[in-house]
Amino acid sequence: MRPVNEAHVAETGLAVVEVAAHDDRTALAVQELLATLCAIAPDERTTREPGEPGVRLRCFLDLRQAPDAGAVDADRP
């Protein structure tokens, strides 16, 4: 995965979450769970890192906004 951009964590309440899971379904389910708690800029796909087990997924959270406030306008890599 690419490095986290400074803009993604520039203020209190912004966070980057990286999920490692066995499969796509599990990783996307974790992302969906996070979306029930706060505003999120979801990722549409997972990645596989050579030599590492499972899949990875990165999403961007904004804890300052309610989940129904919409996605974060993140400067995504």
Protein backbone atom coordinates (compact mmCIF):
# COMPACT_ATOMS: atom_id res chain seq x y z
CA MET A 1 0.00 0.00 0.00
CA ARG A 2 1.06 3.57 -0.59
CA PRO A 3 2.14 5.76 2.32
CA VAL A 4 -0.56 7.70 4.17
CA ASN A 5 -0.89 11.26 2.87
CA GLU A 6 -0.50 14.00 5.51
CA ALA A 7 -3.89 15.45 4.49
CA HIS A 8 -5.61 12.23 5.56
CA VAL A 9 -4.65 12.83 9.20
CA ALA A 10 -4.23 16.61 9.24
CA GLU A 11 -6.89 17.27 11.89
CA THR A 12 -8.24 15.68 15.04
CA GLY A 13 -10.98 13.23 14.10
CA LEU A 14 -9.47 12.08 10.79
CA ALA A 15 -8.06 8.57 10.55
CA VAL A 16 -6.78 6.03 8.07
CA VAL A 17 -7.70 2.41 8.78
CA GLU A 18 -5.98 -0.48 7.08
CA VAL A 19 -7.77 -3.81 7.27
CA ALA A 20 -6.06 -7.16 6.81
CA ALA A 21 -8.46 -10.06 6.32
CA HIS A 22 -8.64 -13.58 4.95
CA ASP A 23 -10.79 -12.62 1.96
CA ASP A 24 -12.53 -9.75 0.14
CA ARG A 25 -15.89 -10.46 1.76
CA THR A 26 -14.48 -10.15 5.27
CA ALA A 27 -12.49 -6.97 4.53
CA LEU A 28 -15.48 -5.29 2.91
CA ALA A 29 -17.71 -6.32 5.84
CA VAL A 30 -15.33 -4.60 8.26
CA GLN A 31 -15.44 -1.49 6.10
CA GLU A 32 -19.25 -1.61 6.12
CA LEU A 33 -19.24 -1.88 9.91
CA LEU A 34 -17.00 1.19 10.18
CA ALA A 35 -19.41 3.07 7.91
CA THR A 36 -22.17 2.59 10.51
CA LEU A 37 -20.06 4.43 13.10
CA CYS A 38 -18.73 7.46 11.22
CA ALA A 39 -18.34 9.11 7.83
CA ILE A 40 -16.08 7.05 5.60
CA ALA A 41 -14.43 7.23 2.22
CA PRO A 42 -14.64 3.54 1.31
CA ASP A 43 -12.41 1.60 -1.02
CA GLU A 44 -14.08 -0.40 -3.76
CA ARG A 45 -11.48 -3.15 -3.89
CA THR A 46 -8.94 -5.01 -1.84
CA THR A 47 -5.29 -5.63 -2.67
CA ARG A 48 -3.01 -8.59 -2.21
CA GLU A 49 0.57 -8.05 -1.09
CA PRO A 50 3.06 -10.61 -2.43
CA GLY A 51 4.34 -12.86 0.33
CA GLU A 52 1.66 -11.76 2.82
CA PRO A 53 -1.46 -13.75 3.69
CA GLY A 54 -4.97 -12.54 2.92
CA VAL A 55 -6.08 -9.22 1.46
CA ARG A 56 -5.67 -5.58 2.47
CA LEU A 57 -8.08 -2.67 2.32
CA ARG A 58 -7.62 1.00 3.30
CA CYS A 59 -10.42 3.40 4.15
CA PHE A 60 -10.49 6.96 5.38
CA LEU A 61 -12.59 7.93 8.40
CA ASP A 62 -13.94 11.24 9.62
CA LEU A 63 -15.06 10.84 13.22
CA ARG A 64 -16.32 14.44 13.22
CA GLN A 65 -19.24 13.52 10.95
CA ALA A 66 -22.20 11.20 11.45
CA PRO A 67 -22.36 8.12 9.20
CA ASP A 68 -25.22 9.54 7.16
CA ALA A 69 -23.32 12.78 6.46
CA GLY A 70 -21.73 11.23 3.37
CA ALA A 71 -18.27 10.19 2.35
CA VAL A 72 -15.13 12.05 3.31
CA ASP A 73 -13.60 14.15 0.54
CA ALA A 74 -10.21 12.47 0.87
CA ASP A 75 -7.19 13.06 -1.29
CA ARG A 76 -6.85 9.37 -2.04
CA PRO A 77 -3.61 7.94 -3.34
